[in-house]
Amino acid sequence: MCTPVRAEVEVHVIAIGKGRQTDDFYALPESRVLVDRPDADVALVLLDGGETHWRIETTPETRLVEVIRGGRETGNSRVTLSGIPMVGVATPDLPLVYKPVGVHFRALLTSLTRRFGTDRIASFHGMHRAGSAPLRVDRLDTGAAALSHDYLATQIGRTDDLPAALRDRPGATDTVGHTLTFDQSGITLTDPTGVRHFPVPDTVPPVLLPAASVHDPASGMIYALTYGGVGYIYGVDGRTGAWRVVAALDDYDASGLIFDPATQTLITTGAFSRPGDIRTFSLDGARTQVFVPTTRLPGLTDLFDYGNEHSPPLRPHLYRDGWLLASATADPAQAYPDATRFRLYAFHTTTGEVRLLAYGDD
């Protein structure tokens, strides 16, 4: 019989999608585990894809104080400790994950750290199929930052050398006083002077998939971004209605766009699985490009099901002295700073350096 859980319990998580089939085809596939943690109180969290026989063994002086079962179909699995059946605590809302990354892993970690009153789990082991040898639980994984509940607190970047405008962390680009609607027919600008529509002329490539648009009130120019096919950045003169192609994107899919009047530069962020594909387009023709992989953006994978869906886009806010301020939110209907789950970054558009400035996980 399991003894009550102590405050200093080590929580070890094992995720195995499918057990190993034995010679007895009427028996459940097996997942074997050996726990070798002498003088430690150990809680095992067993996650499986259903219909698994967990065969647990412990070394002398290892104290197994609790077994929790989770995953897809906990009712079809069983657990034995040294051949003796155990009931364990079935917790079907614990998701089956194979790597310590992604929104489902963070939900798992939050649930377990709250349950056991700890800041981190002791180890995580994940595999799609059990092997013939027992999986050994014999150490504390102190090097994996992601096993801590609030691991991002140690990854906040410095700000003292950033441009002052980025340190102030504005919530959005300044669109006060006007709105833009961009679709395949053209662009509609609504401002204090009224509503004006600028239809797409035959003199520029047709708009395939509209992505974003920005207005520069000082010059009266509107810039619009499309993706799919070649992709273009269009410039529209708000005074004359004349359209032109500012840049052909050469099959680059972008999602976010801002304009920096001081440097006459357009800045874009990538779409789909490449949000960190950041490019600048000066009106004089100069370009820069830098790519930051999703896994190098601290905490971004916490906001989505990494490996199974695209990342939320990076929304650009401000560009100063080569630094771009951009944010990502878990809910596309929310925007920083009003979003409850967000990441705010500073990117250097030449070197590719990225810093996490703020985050929220409420």
Protein backbone atom coordinates (compact mmCIF):
# COMPACT_ATOMS: atom_id res chain seq x y z
CA MET A 1 0.00 0.00 0.00
CA CYS A 2 1.28 3.47 -0.85
CA THR A 3 2.16 5.79 2.01
CA PRO A 4 1.02 9.45 2.12
CA VAL A 5 2.90 11.83 -0.14
CA ARG A 6 5.56 13.94 1.56
CA ALA A 7 6.35 17.55 0.77
CA GLU A 8 9.75 16.68 -0.75
CA VAL A 9 8.44 14.06 -3.14
CA GLU A 10 10.27 13.61 -6.46
CA VAL A 11 7.82 13.67 -9.36
CA HIS A 12 9.04 11.61 -12.32
CA VAL A 13 6.96 11.57 -15.51
CA ILE A 14 7.04 8.70 -18.01
CA ALA A 15 5.13 8.92 -21.29
CA ILE A 16 4.94 5.85 -23.54
CA GLY A 17 2.50 5.79 -26.42
CA LYS A 18 2.36 2.03 -26.84
CA GLY A 19 3.71 -0.87 -24.80
CA ARG A 20 5.77 -3.76 -26.14
CA GLN A 21 3.77 -6.77 -27.25
CA THR A 22 4.82 -9.98 -25.48
CA ASP A 23 4.48 -13.55 -26.73
CA ASP A 24 1.09 -13.68 -25.04
CA PHE A 25 -1.12 -11.92 -27.56
CA TYR A 26 -4.03 -11.99 -25.11
CA ALA A 27 -2.06 -9.91 -22.62
CA LEU A 28 -1.73 -6.14 -22.66
CA PRO A 29 1.43 -4.71 -24.26
CA GLU A 30 3.98 -4.02 -21.55
CA SER A 31 5.95 -0.97 -20.48
CA ARG A 32 8.64 -1.86 -17.95
CA VAL A 33 10.08 0.69 -15.51
CA LEU A 34 12.85 0.38 -12.93
CA VAL A 35 12.93 3.08 -10.24
CA ASP A 36 16.36 3.43 -8.66
CA ARG A 37 16.17 6.38 -6.24
CA PRO A 38 17.44 5.14 -2.85
CA ASP A 39 16.22 7.14 0.16
CA ALA A 40 13.92 9.26 -2.01
CA ASP A 41 10.13 9.54 -1.93
CA VAL A 42 9.09 9.04 -5.54
CA ALA A 43 5.81 9.75 -7.30
CA LEU A 44 5.47 8.21 -10.75
CA VAL A 45 3.24 9.82 -13.36
CA LEU A 46 2.51 7.24 -16.07
CA LEU A 47 1.09 8.51 -19.35
CA ASP A 48 0.09 6.12 -22.12
CA GLY A 49 -2.02 5.78 -25.23
CA GLY A 50 -4.29 3.14 -23.68
CA GLU A 51 -4.13 -0.63 -23.17
CA THR A 52 -0.74 -0.76 -21.47
CA HIS A 53 0.48 -2.94 -18.63
CA TRP A 54 2.96 -0.93 -16.59
CA ARG A 55 5.37 -3.30 -14.84
CA ILE A 56 7.14 -1.30 -12.12
CA GLU A 57 10.14 -2.50 -10.13
CA THR A 58 12.05 -0.59 -7.45
CA THR A 59 15.52 -1.00 -5.99
CA PRO A 60 15.97 -1.41 -2.21
CA GLU A 61 15.47 1.79 -0.18
CA THR A 62 13.48 3.43 -3.00
CA ARG A 63 10.13 4.58 -1.65
CA LEU A 64 7.36 4.71 -4.24
CA VAL A 65 4.73 6.85 -2.54
CA GLU A 66 2.22 7.46 -5.33
CA VAL A 67 1.37 6.37 -8.86
CA ILE A 68 -0.73 8.59 -11.11
CA ARG A 69 -2.03 7.38 -14.44
CA GLY A 70 -2.90 9.71 -17.30
CA GLY A 71 -3.07 9.84 -21.06
CA ARG A 72 -5.82 8.94 -23.49
CA GLU A 73 -7.59 5.90 -22.01
CA THR A 74 -6.46 5.30 -18.44
CA GLY A 75 -9.28 2.82 -17.81
CA ASN A 76 -7.77 0.28 -20.22
CA SER A 77 -4.32 0.20 -18.59
CA ARG A 78 -3.07 -1.53 -15.46
CA VAL A 79 -0.11 -1.19 -13.11
CA THR A 80 1.77 -3.81 -11.13
CA LEU A 81 4.53 -3.15 -8.60
CA SER A 82 6.89 -6.12 -8.30
CA GLY A 83 4.08 -8.26 -9.71
CA ILE A 84 1.44 -6.98 -7.28
CA PRO A 85 -1.50 -5.11 -8.86
CA MET A 86 -1.82 -1.41 -7.98
CA VAL A 87 -4.80 0.81 -8.55
CA GLY A 88 -3.01 4.13 -8.82
CA VAL A 89 -4.83 7.43 -9.23
CA ALA A 90 -6.45 7.74 -12.66
CA THR A 91 -6.24 11.33 -13.90
CA PRO A 92 -7.50 11.27 -17.49
CA ASP A 93 -7.12 15.02 -17.98
CA LEU A 94 -3.32 14.69 -17.93
CA PRO A 95 -2.28 14.85 -21.61
CA LEU A 96 0.01 12.34 -23.30
CA VAL A 97 3.07 14.24 -24.53
CA TYR A 98 6.38 12.87 -25.75
CA LYS A 99 8.65 15.89 -25.31
CA PRO A 100 8.91 18.62 -22.66
CA VAL A 101 7.73 21.28 -25.08
CA GLY A 102 4.44 22.75 -26.28
CA VAL A 103 1.19 23.94 -24.77
CA HIS A 104 0.09 20.46 -23.64
CA PHE A 105 3.34 19.83 -21.78
CA ARG A 106 2.96 23.18 -19.99
CA ALA A 107 -0.59 22.19 -18.99
CA LEU A 108 0.73 18.87 -17.68
CA LEU A 109 3.49 20.59 -15.74
CA THR A 110 1.12 23.15 -14.24
CA SER A 111 -1.24 20.41 -13.08
CA LEU A 112 1.53 18.35 -11.48
CA THR A 113 3.38 21.20 -9.77
CA ARG A 114 0.11 22.39 -8.24
CA ARG A 115 -0.82 18.89 -7.13
CA PHE A 116 2.50 18.22 -5.43
CA GLY A 117 3.28 21.76 -4.29
CA THR A 118 6.61 21.86 -6.10
CA ASP A 119 8.27 24.26 -8.53
CA ARG A 120 9.47 21.57 -10.95
CA ILE A 121 9.26 17.90 -11.81
CA ALA A 122 12.29 15.70 -11.23
CA SER A 123 12.53 14.13 -14.69
CA PHE A 124 10.63 13.51 -17.91
CA HIS A 125 10.95 10.45 -20.16
CA GLY A 126 8.99 10.16 -23.39
CA MET A 127 8.88 7.57 -26.17
CA HIS A 128 6.32 6.44 -28.72
CA ARG A 129 6.93 2.73 -28.14
CA ALA A 130 8.35 0.82 -25.17
CA GLY A 131 11.62 -1.03 -25.60
CA SER A 132 12.57 -4.48 -24.38
CA ALA A 133 14.76 -3.17 -21.54
CA PRO A 134 13.20 -1.42 -18.55
CA LEU A 135 13.20 2.36 -18.62
CA ARG A 136 15.37 3.49 -15.70
CA VAL A 137 14.36 6.32 -13.41
CA ASP A 138 17.61 6.90 -11.56
CA ARG A 139 18.46 10.59 -11.47
CA LEU A 140 17.21 14.13 -11.06
CA ASP A 141 17.25 16.14 -14.27
CA THR A 142 18.48 19.47 -12.93
CA GLY A 143 19.69 20.79 -16.28
CA ALA A 144 16.39 21.00 -18.18
CA ALA A 145 14.97 24.46 -17.54
CA ALA A 146 11.62 23.52 -19.12
CA LEU A 147 10.86 21.15 -16.22
CA SER A 148 10.33 24.18 -13.95
CA HIS A 149 6.89 25.74 -13.72
CA ASP A 150 8.11 29.34 -14.11
CA TYR A 151 11.22 28.65 -16.17
CA LEU A 152 10.90 31.85 -18.19
CA ALA A 153 11.66 34.00 -15.15
CA THR A 154 15.35 33.18 -15.63
CA GLN A 155 15.27 33.92 -19.37
CA ILE A 156 14.26 37.59 -19.33
CA GLY A 157 16.81 39.53 -21.39
CA ARG A 158 18.61 42.74 -20.55
CA THR A 159 17.05 46.01 -21.67
CA ASP A 160 19.53 48.68 -20.59
CA ASP A 161 21.23 48.73 -24.02
CA LEU A 162 17.99 48.75 -26.04
CA PRO A 163 16.59 51.90 -27.63
CA ALA A 164 14.44 53.80 -25.15
CA ALA A 165 11.29 53.31 -27.23
CA LEU A 166 11.62 49.52 -26.89
CA ARG A 167 12.26 49.75 -23.16
CA ASP A 168 8.94 51.58 -22.82
CA ARG A 169 7.22 48.52 -24.39
CA PRO A 170 4.42 50.18 -26.37
CA GLY A 171 1.46 47.89 -26.85
CA ALA A 172 0.85 48.46 -30.53
CA THR A 173 1.77 50.52 -33.53
CA ASP A 174 0.04 53.88 -33.61
CA THR A 175 -3.17 53.52 -35.59
CA VAL A 176 -5.17 56.09 -33.64
CA GLY A 177 -7.47 58.11 -35.86
CA HIS A 178 -7.74 55.73 -38.82
CA THR A 179 -8.57 52.17 -39.79
CA LEU A 180 -7.61 50.11 -42.83
CA THR A 181 -9.46 47.28 -44.54
CA PHE A 182 -7.44 45.30 -47.07
CA ASP A 183 -9.02 42.65 -49.29
CA GLN A 184 -8.70 41.39 -52.85
CA SER A 185 -10.66 44.33 -54.21
CA GLY A 186 -8.35 46.94 -52.71
CA ILE A 187 -7.85 49.04 -49.59
CA THR A 188 -10.39 51.11 -47.68
CA LEU A 189 -9.09 53.91 -45.46
CA THR A 190 -11.35 55.42 -42.83
CA ASP A 191 -10.08 58.56 -41.09
CA PRO A 192 -11.49 61.89 -39.87
CA THR A 193 -11.81 63.09 -43.48
CA GLY A 194 -14.13 60.24 -44.41
CA VAL A 195 -14.00 56.85 -46.11
CA ARG A 196 -11.90 56.30 -49.22
CA HIS A 197 -11.53 53.13 -51.24
CA PHE A 198 -8.49 52.44 -53.43
CA PRO A 199 -9.28 49.63 -55.88
CA VAL A 200 -6.46 47.44 -57.18
CA PRO A 201 -5.58 48.62 -60.72
CA ASP A 202 -4.55 46.41 -63.62
CA THR A 203 -1.08 47.97 -63.55
CA VAL A 204 0.05 45.89 -60.53
CA PRO A 205 -0.13 42.13 -59.88
CA PRO A 206 -3.52 41.06 -58.51
CA VAL A 207 -3.91 40.66 -54.75
CA LEU A 208 -3.89 36.94 -53.93
CA LEU A 209 -4.08 36.64 -50.13
CA PRO A 210 -4.11 39.90 -48.14
CA ALA A 211 -2.04 39.71 -44.94
CA ALA A 212 -1.55 43.17 -43.43
CA SER A 213 -1.58 46.89 -44.17
CA VAL A 214 -0.25 50.05 -42.52
CA HIS A 215 -0.81 53.77 -43.02
CA ASP A 216 1.76 56.56 -42.68
CA PRO A 217 -0.29 59.70 -41.98
CA ALA A 218 2.70 62.00 -42.49
CA SER A 219 3.23 61.02 -46.12
CA GLY A 220 -0.27 59.78 -46.83
CA MET A 221 1.15 56.46 -48.03
CA ILE A 222 -0.46 53.07 -47.40
CA TYR A 223 1.59 49.88 -47.54
CA ALA A 224 -0.06 46.49 -48.00
CA LEU A 225 1.35 42.97 -47.71
CA THR A 226 0.21 39.74 -49.40
CA TYR A 227 1.29 36.12 -49.15
CA GLY A 228 0.84 33.08 -51.37
CA GLY A 229 2.53 32.82 -54.74
CA VAL A 230 5.27 35.41 -55.19
CA GLY A 231 3.88 37.75 -52.54
CA TYR A 232 4.15 41.53 -52.72
CA ILE A 233 4.39 44.70 -50.71
CA TYR A 234 2.30 47.36 -52.43
CA GLY A 235 2.49 51.09 -51.94
CA VAL A 236 -0.66 53.16 -52.37
CA ASP A 237 -0.60 56.95 -52.46
CA GLY A 238 -3.52 58.02 -50.29
CA ARG A 239 -3.69 61.39 -52.05
CA THR A 240 -3.79 60.20 -55.66
CA GLY A 241 -4.83 56.55 -55.33
CA ALA A 242 -1.83 55.41 -57.38
CA TRP A 243 -0.59 51.86 -56.73
CA ARG A 244 2.92 50.48 -57.19
CA VAL A 245 4.92 47.41 -56.17
CA VAL A 246 7.43 48.31 -53.47
CA ALA A 247 8.91 44.81 -53.29
CA ALA A 248 8.31 41.34 -54.71
CA LEU A 249 8.75 38.81 -51.90
CA ASP A 250 9.92 35.88 -54.04
CA ASP A 251 7.65 33.25 -52.40
CA TYR A 252 8.35 34.52 -48.87
CA ASP A 253 5.17 34.20 -46.78
CA ALA A 254 4.87 37.07 -44.32
CA SER A 255 2.12 37.84 -41.82
CA GLY A 256 3.03 41.07 -40.01
CA LEU A 257 3.98 44.49 -41.36
CA ILE A 258 4.96 47.86 -39.90
CA PHE A 259 6.50 51.01 -41.37
CA ASP A 260 9.19 53.09 -39.68
CA PRO A 261 8.93 56.68 -40.97
CA ALA A 262 12.29 57.74 -39.52
CA THR A 263 14.25 55.27 -41.66
CA GLN A 264 11.65 54.82 -44.42
CA THR A 265 11.77 51.08 -43.77
CA LEU A 266 9.12 48.36 -43.93
CA ILE A 267 9.56 45.44 -41.53
CA THR A 268 7.84 42.06 -41.91
CA THR A 269 7.54 38.93 -39.77
CA GLY A 270 7.09 35.42 -41.14
CA ALA A 271 3.94 33.34 -41.41
CA PHE A 272 2.98 29.78 -40.48
CA SER A 273 5.92 27.71 -39.18
CA ARG A 274 8.50 30.51 -39.70
CA PRO A 275 7.38 33.47 -37.55
CA GLY A 276 11.02 34.38 -36.90
CA ASP A 277 11.73 34.98 -40.61
CA ILE A 278 12.14 38.74 -40.22
CA ARG A 279 12.96 41.02 -43.15
CA THR A 280 13.36 44.73 -43.72
CA PHE A 281 12.68 46.60 -46.97
CA SER A 282 13.94 50.16 -47.31
CA LEU A 283 12.15 52.33 -49.83
CA ASP A 284 15.53 52.92 -51.50
CA GLY A 285 15.75 49.18 -52.30
CA ALA A 286 18.01 47.94 -49.48
CA ARG A 287 16.97 44.69 -47.77
CA THR A 288 17.99 42.63 -44.76
CA GLN A 289 16.89 39.17 -43.68
CA VAL A 290 17.36 37.16 -40.49
CA PHE A 291 15.79 33.87 -39.45
CA VAL A 292 15.28 32.90 -35.81
CA PRO A 293 13.96 29.31 -35.40
CA THR A 294 10.82 28.93 -33.33
CA THR A 295 12.66 26.91 -30.68
CA ARG A 296 15.09 29.81 -30.15
CA LEU A 297 12.28 32.15 -29.14
CA PRO A 298 12.00 31.68 -25.35
CA GLY A 299 8.56 30.42 -24.41
CA LEU A 300 6.97 30.65 -27.85
CA THR A 301 6.31 26.91 -28.07
CA ASP A 302 4.32 27.19 -24.81
CA LEU A 303 1.56 28.96 -26.73
CA PHE A 304 0.66 26.21 -29.22
CA ASP A 305 0.79 22.48 -29.90
CA TYR A 306 4.37 22.43 -31.17
CA GLY A 307 4.92 19.81 -33.85
CA ASN A 308 1.22 19.55 -34.72
CA GLU A 309 0.20 23.10 -35.58
CA HIS A 310 1.69 26.36 -36.75
CA SER A 311 3.05 28.90 -34.31
CA PRO A 312 1.00 31.99 -33.56
CA PRO A 313 2.34 34.86 -35.66
CA LEU A 314 4.69 37.51 -34.37
CA ARG A 315 3.01 40.89 -34.39
CA PRO A 316 5.53 43.69 -35.02
CA HIS A 317 5.06 46.83 -32.93
CA LEU A 318 8.06 49.13 -33.24
CA TYR A 319 11.41 49.42 -35.03
CA ARG A 320 14.34 51.46 -33.72
CA ASP A 321 18.07 51.35 -34.49
CA GLY A 322 17.91 47.86 -35.97
CA TRP A 323 15.81 46.44 -33.10
CA LEU A 324 12.27 45.17 -33.64
CA LEU A 325 9.71 44.88 -30.84
CA ALA A 326 7.23 42.05 -31.57
CA SER A 327 4.75 39.95 -29.63
CA ALA A 328 2.94 36.62 -29.91
CA THR A 329 -0.30 35.64 -28.17
CA ALA A 330 -1.93 32.26 -27.57
CA ASP A 331 -5.35 33.60 -28.55
CA PRO A 332 -5.31 35.23 -32.01
CA ALA A 333 -8.34 37.30 -30.99
CA GLN A 334 -6.25 39.00 -28.30
CA ALA A 335 -3.30 41.34 -28.77
CA TYR A 336 -0.52 42.46 -26.46
CA PRO A 337 -0.77 44.14 -23.96
CA ASP A 338 -4.38 43.04 -23.38
CA ALA A 339 -3.71 39.33 -23.95
CA THR A 340 -3.45 37.12 -20.87
CA ARG A 341 -1.01 34.65 -22.47
CA PHE A 342 1.70 36.37 -24.47
CA ARG A 343 5.42 36.66 -25.20
CA LEU A 344 7.13 39.98 -25.94
CA TYR A 345 10.49 39.96 -27.75
CA ALA A 346 13.18 42.28 -29.01
CA PHE A 347 14.90 41.14 -32.23
CA HIS A 348 18.02 42.55 -33.79
CA THR A 349 17.25 42.48 -37.49
CA THR A 350 20.90 42.15 -38.54
CA THR A 351 22.48 39.77 -36.02
CA GLY A 352 19.42 37.65 -35.21
CA GLU A 353 19.80 38.20 -31.47
CA VAL A 354 16.49 37.74 -29.66
CA ARG A 355 15.56 38.71 -26.10
CA LEU A 356 12.48 37.90 -24.10
CA LEU A 357 11.24 41.14 -22.51
CA ALA A 358 7.98 40.08 -20.87
CA TYR A 359 5.52 37.19 -20.73
CA GLY A 360 2.13 36.28 -19.32
CA ASP A 361 0.59 32.87 -18.59
CA ASP A 362 -2.65 33.71 -16.77
